[in-house]
Amino acid sequence: MTFDIVKEMIAGQLRVDASTITENSRLVEDLKADSANVMVMIMDLEDRFGITVEDDQIMRLKTVGDVVKYIDSLK
């Protein structure tokens, strides 16, 4: 499931407990990601899923659920 993969990737990168991450977790406010974290996360997701995230979409990805839905829409 896409959510589980994304959750584990975010937990590893941001050093947060994966069990605390939900689809409603906000990347910046809840998980304390900064712009550098987000860019690394996007590059990792692109590699892992074989996708390209358009620059104009990055700012729209506010929650873990947003990321999951975006990835699923490209599959």
Protein backbone atom coordinates (compact mmCIF):
# COMPACT_ATOMS: atom_id res chain seq x y z
CA MET A 1 0.00 0.00 0.00
CA THR A 2 1.33 3.42 -0.94
CA PHE A 3 0.59 4.91 2.48
CA ASP A 4 2.75 2.36 4.30
CA ILE A 5 5.73 2.99 2.01
CA VAL A 6 5.37 6.78 2.25
CA LYS A 7 4.94 6.59 6.03
CA GLU A 8 8.13 4.55 6.48
CA MET A 9 10.11 6.86 4.19
CA ILE A 10 8.94 9.97 6.05
CA ALA A 11 9.57 8.37 9.45
CA GLY A 12 13.13 7.50 8.45
CA GLN A 13 13.92 10.87 6.96
CA LEU A 14 12.36 13.03 9.66
CA ARG A 15 13.28 10.65 12.50
CA VAL A 16 9.76 10.37 13.84
CA ASP A 17 7.93 7.29 15.08
CA ALA A 18 6.09 5.77 12.11
CA SER A 19 3.20 4.78 14.37
CA THR A 20 2.44 8.46 14.95
CA ILE A 21 2.06 9.23 11.23
CA THR A 22 -1.45 9.23 9.77
CA GLU A 23 -2.83 10.35 6.42
CA ASN A 24 -3.93 13.55 8.18
CA SER A 25 -0.43 14.33 9.50
CA ARG A 26 0.70 17.69 8.16
CA LEU A 27 4.24 17.59 6.83
CA VAL A 28 5.36 20.95 8.17
CA GLU A 29 3.15 21.63 11.18
CA ASP A 30 2.90 18.12 12.65
CA LEU A 31 6.04 16.38 11.40
CA LYS A 32 8.31 19.44 11.49
CA ALA A 33 9.55 19.06 7.91
CA ASP A 34 11.34 22.07 6.49
CA SER A 35 11.77 22.92 2.81
CA ALA A 36 14.99 20.89 2.56
CA ASN A 37 13.25 17.85 4.10
CA VAL A 38 10.40 18.19 1.62
CA MET A 39 12.75 18.38 -1.37
CA VAL A 40 14.68 15.28 -0.25
CA MET A 41 11.40 13.47 0.39
CA ILE A 42 10.14 14.36 -3.11
CA MET A 43 13.36 13.10 -4.72
CA ASP A 44 13.19 9.87 -2.70
CA LEU A 45 9.54 9.35 -3.66
CA GLU A 46 10.34 9.98 -7.33
CA ASP A 47 13.07 7.33 -7.20
CA ARG A 48 11.03 4.82 -5.20
CA PHE A 49 7.86 5.08 -7.29
CA GLY A 50 9.39 5.96 -10.67
CA ILE A 51 7.39 9.18 -10.91
CA THR A 52 8.07 12.85 -11.51
CA VAL A 53 6.52 15.37 -9.14
CA GLU A 54 5.83 18.63 -10.94
CA ASP A 55 7.20 21.71 -9.18
CA ASP A 56 3.77 23.37 -9.05
CA GLN A 57 2.38 20.33 -7.20
CA ILE A 58 4.96 20.32 -4.42
CA MET A 59 3.38 23.25 -2.57
CA ARG A 60 -0.01 21.53 -2.71
CA LEU A 61 1.23 18.50 -0.80
CA LYS A 62 0.36 19.53 2.75
CA THR A 63 -0.45 16.20 4.40
CA VAL A 64 0.79 12.64 4.14
CA GLY A 65 -2.58 11.81 2.56
CA ASP A 66 -2.01 14.47 -0.12
CA VAL A 67 1.29 12.81 -0.99
CA VAL A 68 -0.30 9.35 -1.15
CA LYS A 69 -3.19 10.53 -3.33
CA TYR A 70 -0.80 12.34 -5.68
CA ILE A 71 1.41 9.25 -6.08
CA ASP A 72 -1.62 7.02 -6.66
CA SER A 73 -2.93 9.42 -9.30
CA LEU A 74 0.26 8.94 -11.30
CA LYS A 75 0.23 5.13 -11.23
